[in-house]
C-alpha atoms as a PDB file:
ATOM      1  CA  MET A   1      70.926  50.436  66.884  1.00  0.00           C
ATOM      2  CA  PHE A   2      74.606  48.136  66.688  1.00  0.00           C
ATOM      3  CA  GLY A   3      75.326  50.969  64.307  1.00  0.00           C
ATOM      4  CA  SER A   4      74.926  53.899  66.666  1.00  0.00           C
ATOM      5  CA  LEU A   5      76.858  51.836  69.288  1.00  0.00           C
ATOM      6  CA  LYS A   6      79.174  51.208  66.921  1.00  0.00           C
ATOM      7  CA  GLN A   7      79.170  54.980  66.075  1.00  0.00           C
ATOM      8  CA  PHE A   8      79.794  55.989  69.895  1.00  0.00           C
ATOM      9  CA  PHE A   9      82.747  53.857  70.300  1.00  0.00           C
ATOM     10  CA  ASP A  10      84.303  54.581  67.155  1.00  0.00           C
ATOM     11  CA  GLU A  11      84.466  58.357  67.821  1.00  0.00           C
ATOM     12  CA  LYS A  12      85.319  58.110  71.710  1.00  0.00           C
ATOM     13  CA  LEU A  13      88.124  55.491  70.614  1.00  0.00           C
ATOM     14  CA  ALA A  14      89.848  57.059  67.922  1.00  0.00           C
ATOM     15  CA  PRO A  15      93.182  56.937  67.271  1.00  0.00           C
ATOM     16  CA  ALA A  16      95.319  58.288  69.823  1.00  0.00           C
ATOM     17  CA  ALA A  17      96.278  60.824  68.132  1.00  0.00           C
ATOM     18  CA  ALA A  18      92.729  62.554  67.925  1.00  0.00           C
ATOM     19  CA  VAL A  19      92.535  62.127  71.911  1.00  0.00           C
ATOM     20  CA  SER A  20      93.888  64.214  74.658  1.00  0.00           C
ATOM     21  CA  GLU A  21      96.743  63.127  76.590  1.00  0.00           C
ATOM     22  CA  GLU A  22      94.501  64.034  79.564  1.00  0.00           C
ATOM     23  CA  GLU A  23      91.383  61.952  78.192  1.00  0.00           C
ATOM     24  CA  ARG A  24      93.443  58.979  77.735  1.00  0.00           C
ATOM     25  CA  LEU A  25      94.494  59.513  81.824  1.00  0.00           C
ATOM     26  CA  GLN A  26      90.644  59.822  82.411  1.00  0.00           C
ATOM     27  CA  VAL A  27      89.895  56.600  80.833  1.00  0.00           C
ATOM     28  CA  ALA A  28      92.950  54.753  82.223  1.00  0.00           C
ATOM     29  CA  THR A  29      91.988  56.167  85.889  1.00  0.00           C
ATOM     30  CA  CYS A  30      87.671  54.848  84.942  1.00  0.00           C
ATOM     31  CA  ALA A  31      89.214  51.310  83.660  1.00  0.00           C
ATOM     32  CA  LEU A  32      90.967  50.764  86.821  1.00  0.00           C
ATOM     33  CA  LEU A  33      88.094  51.781  89.325  1.00  0.00           C
ATOM     34  CA  LEU A  34      85.655  49.896  87.215  1.00  0.00           C
ATOM     35  CA  GLU A  35      88.081  47.171  87.296  1.00  0.00           C
ATOM     36  CA  VAL A  36      88.458  47.470  90.945  1.00  0.00           C
ATOM     37  CA  ALA A  37      84.313  47.314  91.009  1.00  0.00           C
ATOM     38  CA  HIS A  38      83.553  44.381  89.090  1.00  0.00           C
ATOM     39  CA  ALA A  39      86.282  42.416  91.334  1.00  0.00           C
ATOM     40  CA  ASP A  40      84.036  40.891  93.260  1.00  0.00           C
ATOM     41  CA  ASP A  41      81.522  39.749  90.699  1.00  0.00           C
ATOM     42  CA  ASP A  42      78.904  42.006  92.149  1.00  0.00           C
ATOM     43  CA  TYR A  43      78.847  45.516  90.704  1.00  0.00           C
ATOM     44  CA  SER A  44      76.518  46.589  92.829  1.00  0.00           C
ATOM     45  CA  GLU A  45      74.655  49.949  93.395  1.00  0.00           C
ATOM     46  CA  ASP A  46      76.696  50.936  96.368  1.00  0.00           C
ATOM     47  CA  GLU A  47      79.538  50.674  93.924  1.00  0.00           C
ATOM     48  CA  VAL A  48      78.084  52.119  90.630  1.00  0.00           C
ATOM     49  CA  GLN A  49      77.107  54.923  92.847  1.00  0.00           C
ATOM     50  CA  THR A  50      80.965  55.438  94.296  1.00  0.00           C
ATOM     51  CA  VAL A  51      82.404  55.068  91.381  1.00  0.00           C
ATOM     52  CA  MET A  52      79.890  57.952  89.627  1.00  0.00           C
ATOM     53  CA  ALA A  53      80.744  60.173  92.617  1.00  0.00           C
ATOM     54  CA  VAL A  54      84.672  59.530  92.484  1.00  0.00           C
ATOM     55  CA  VAL A  55      84.814  60.311  88.610  1.00  0.00           C
ATOM     56  CA  GLY A  56      82.860  63.096  88.625  1.00  0.00           C
ATOM     57  CA  ARG A  57      84.471  64.873  90.908  1.00  0.00           C
ATOM     58  CA  ARG A  58      87.874  63.842  90.215  1.00  0.00           C
ATOM     59  CA  PHE A  59      87.273  64.905  86.618  1.00  0.00           C
ATOM     60  CA  GLY A  60      85.055  67.635  87.197  1.00  0.00           C
ATOM     61  CA  LEU A  61      82.072  66.186  84.429  1.00  0.00           C
ATOM     62  CA  SER A  62      78.495  66.103  84.875  1.00  0.00           C
ATOM     63  CA  ALA A  63      76.483  63.190  85.516  1.00  0.00           C
ATOM     64  CA  ALA A  64      76.303  62.613  81.569  1.00  0.00           C
ATOM     65  CA  GLU A  65      79.154  63.227  81.165  1.00  0.00           C
ATOM     66  CA  THR A  66      80.698  61.079  83.654  1.00  0.00           C
ATOM     67  CA  SER A  67      78.641  57.715  82.260  1.00  0.00           C
ATOM     68  CA  GLY A  68      80.010  58.662  78.769  1.00  0.00           C
ATOM     69  CA  LEU A  69      83.180  58.210  80.134  1.00  0.00           C
ATOM     70  CA  LEU A  70      82.274  55.786  82.227  1.00  0.00           C
ATOM     71  CA  ALA A  71      80.958  53.583  78.964  1.00  0.00           C
ATOM     72  CA  VAL A  72      84.462  54.311  77.295  1.00  0.00           C
ATOM     73  CA  ALA A  73      86.629  53.167  79.724  1.00  0.00           C
ATOM     74  CA  ASP A  74      84.409  49.775  80.580  1.00  0.00           C
ATOM     75  CA  GLU A  75      84.231  48.948  76.540  1.00  0.00           C
ATOM     76  CA  GLU A  76      88.116  49.811  76.940  1.00  0.00           C
ATOM     77  CA  ARG A  77      88.743  47.429  79.621  1.00  0.00           C
ATOM     78  CA  ARG A  78      86.986  44.564  78.712  1.00  0.00           C
ATOM     79  CA  ARG A  79      88.611  44.530  75.148  1.00  0.00           C
ATOM     80  CA  SER A  80      91.864  44.910  76.831  1.00  0.00           C
ATOM     81  CA  GLY A  81      91.677  41.693  79.152  1.00  0.00           C
ATOM     82  CA  ASP A  82      94.465  43.387  81.540  1.00  0.00           C
ATOM     83  CA  LEU A  83      95.255  46.121  83.257  1.00  0.00           C
ATOM     84  CA  TYR A  84      98.809  47.052  82.513  1.00  0.00           C
ATOM     85  CA  GLN A  85      98.438  49.474  80.090  1.00  0.00           C
ATOM     86  CA  PHE A  86      96.156  51.052  81.957  1.00  0.00           C
ATOM     87  CA  ALA A  87      98.413  51.084  85.675  1.00  0.00           C
ATOM     88  CA  ARG A  88     101.341  51.894  82.790  1.00  0.00           C
ATOM     89  CA  LEU A  89      99.531  55.039  81.767  1.00  0.00           C
ATOM     90  CA  VAL A  90      98.536  56.539  85.155  1.00  0.00           C
ATOM     91  CA  ASN A  91     101.881  55.281  86.512  1.00  0.00           C
ATOM     92  CA  ASP A  92     104.200  57.183  83.806  1.00  0.00           C
ATOM     93  CA  SER A  93     101.600  60.340  83.252  1.00  0.00           C
ATOM     94  CA  TYR A  94     100.651  61.104  86.954  1.00  0.00           C
ATOM     95  CA  THR A  95     102.741  62.532  90.236  1.00  0.00           C
ATOM     96  CA  ARG A  96     103.079  60.260  92.685  1.00  0.00           C
ATOM     97  CA  GLU A  97     100.743  62.620  95.037  1.00  0.00           C
ATOM     98  CA  ARG A  98      98.093  62.131  92.272  1.00  0.00           C
ATOM     99  CA  LYS A  99      98.955  58.443  92.128  1.00  0.00           C
ATOM    100  CA  LEU A 100      98.085  58.274  95.964  1.00  0.00           C
ATOM    101  CA  ALA A 101      94.896  60.339  95.460  1.00  0.00           C
ATOM    102  CA  ILE A 102      94.004  57.681  92.675  1.00  0.00           C
ATOM    103  CA  VAL A 103      94.348  54.351  94.843  1.00  0.00           C
ATOM    104  CA  GLU A 104      92.735  56.640  97.857  1.00  0.00           C
ATOM    105  CA  LEU A 105      89.829  56.336  94.866  1.00  0.00           C
ATOM    106  CA  LEU A 106      90.584  52.449  94.348  1.00  0.00           C
ATOM    107  CA  TRP A 107      90.148  51.791  97.679  1.00  0.00           C
ATOM    108  CA  ARG A 108      87.162  53.898  98.613  1.00  0.00           C
ATOM    109  CA  VAL A 109      85.664  51.617  95.487  1.00  0.00           C
ATOM    110  CA  VAL A 110      86.543  48.345  96.977  1.00  0.00           C
ATOM    111  CA  TYR A 111      85.079  49.713 100.797  1.00  0.00           C
ATOM    112  CA  SER A 112      81.842  50.914  99.155  1.00  0.00           C
ATOM    113  CA  ASP A 113      79.763  47.844  99.851  1.00  0.00           C
ATOM    114  CA  GLY A 114      81.208  48.090 103.394  1.00  0.00           C
ATOM    115  CA  VAL A 115      83.254  44.419 102.474  1.00  0.00           C
ATOM    116  CA  LEU A 116      86.577  43.622 101.674  1.00  0.00           C
ATOM    117  CA  GLU A 117      86.801  39.828  99.802  1.00  0.00           C
ATOM    118  CA  SER A 118      90.241  38.433  99.292  1.00  0.00           C
ATOM    119  CA  HIS A 119      90.395  38.751  95.763  1.00  0.00           C
ATOM    120  CA  GLU A 120      89.978  42.783  95.790  1.00  0.00           C
ATOM    121  CA  ASP A 121      92.614  42.679  98.598  1.00  0.00           C
ATOM    122  CA  ALA A 122      95.031  41.317  96.192  1.00  0.00           C
ATOM    123  CA  LEU A 123      93.999  43.142  93.382  1.00  0.00           C
ATOM    124  CA  MET A 124      94.434  46.190  95.171  1.00  0.00           C
ATOM    125  CA  HIS A 125      98.256  45.055  96.422  1.00  0.00           C
ATOM    126  CA  LYS A 126      98.771  44.413  92.505  1.00  0.00           C
ATOM    127  CA  LEU A 127      97.483  47.655  91.429  1.00  0.00           C
ATOM    128  CA  GLY A 128      99.665  49.347  94.080  1.00  0.00           C
ATOM    129  CA  THR A 129     102.658  47.646  92.429  1.00  0.00           C
ATOM    130  CA  LEU A 130     101.856  48.169  89.278  1.00  0.00           C
ATOM    131  CA  LEU A 131     101.337  52.021  90.245  1.00  0.00           C
ATOM    132  CA  GLY A 132     105.036  52.434  92.213  1.00  0.00           C
ATOM    133  CA  VAL A 133     103.034  52.652  95.758  1.00  0.00           C
ATOM    134  CA  ARG A 134     104.577  51.535  98.495  1.00  0.00           C
ATOM    135  CA  LEU A 135     103.143  48.771 100.615  1.00  0.00           C
ATOM    136  CA  ASP A 136     102.736  51.156 103.547  1.00  0.00           C
ATOM    137  CA  GLU A 137     101.368  53.762 101.812  1.00  0.00           C
ATOM    138  CA  LEU A 138      99.166  51.451 100.365  1.00  0.00           C
ATOM    139  CA  MET A 139      98.348  50.462 103.960  1.00  0.00           C
ATOM    140  CA  ALA A 140      98.308  53.696 104.881  1.00  0.00           C
ATOM    141  CA  LEU A 141      95.450  54.893 102.487  1.00  0.00           C
ATOM    142  CA  LYS A 142      93.428  51.249 103.426  1.00  0.00           C
ATOM    143  CA  VAL A 143      93.025  52.091 107.059  1.00  0.00           C
ATOM    144  CA  GLN A 144      92.320  55.837 106.396  1.00  0.00           C
ATOM    145  CA  VAL A 145      89.398  55.038 104.036  1.00  0.00           C
ATOM    146  CA  LYS A 146      87.666  52.726 106.383  1.00  0.00           C
ATOM    147  CA  ARG A 147      88.114  55.601 109.164  1.00  0.00           C
ATOM    148  CA  ASP A 148      86.510  57.795 106.656  1.00  0.00           C
ATOM    149  CA  LEU A 149      83.966  55.458 106.128  1.00  0.00           C
ATOM    150  CA  GLY A 150      83.029  54.644 109.839  1.00  0.00           C
ATOM    151  CA  LEU A 151      84.107  50.816 108.991  1.00  0.00           C
END
């Protein structure tokens, strides 16, 4: 069993030369989404469903592909211990519009359980800074997502 898990991750986490830039960006984006989902120490079913839905839509993936991508991203997130490398990759590679779209997805995950915890809000401010998003943009996206979700 552990051999097959190791093989899966060895293939998925191959050297950077074997992984496309787009795949690295997908993993980085998913790692940020998963970090936000786990921020309140309660990765609820609502959060699972929201992460699956936004990742599948964002990257045009099937449910199986989405699950596989999230498994790889979660392993990378746990192994890394910090968000800087993921945020830097997103910040350096995505356009401003795409970064704002990612921040909107992050807020959707935060609010998927209907509650904003103080540490989730602090994490979103940190991510906004790391992604080069202005405070007014961060707050506007927060308000927009709350309105969209009827909160």
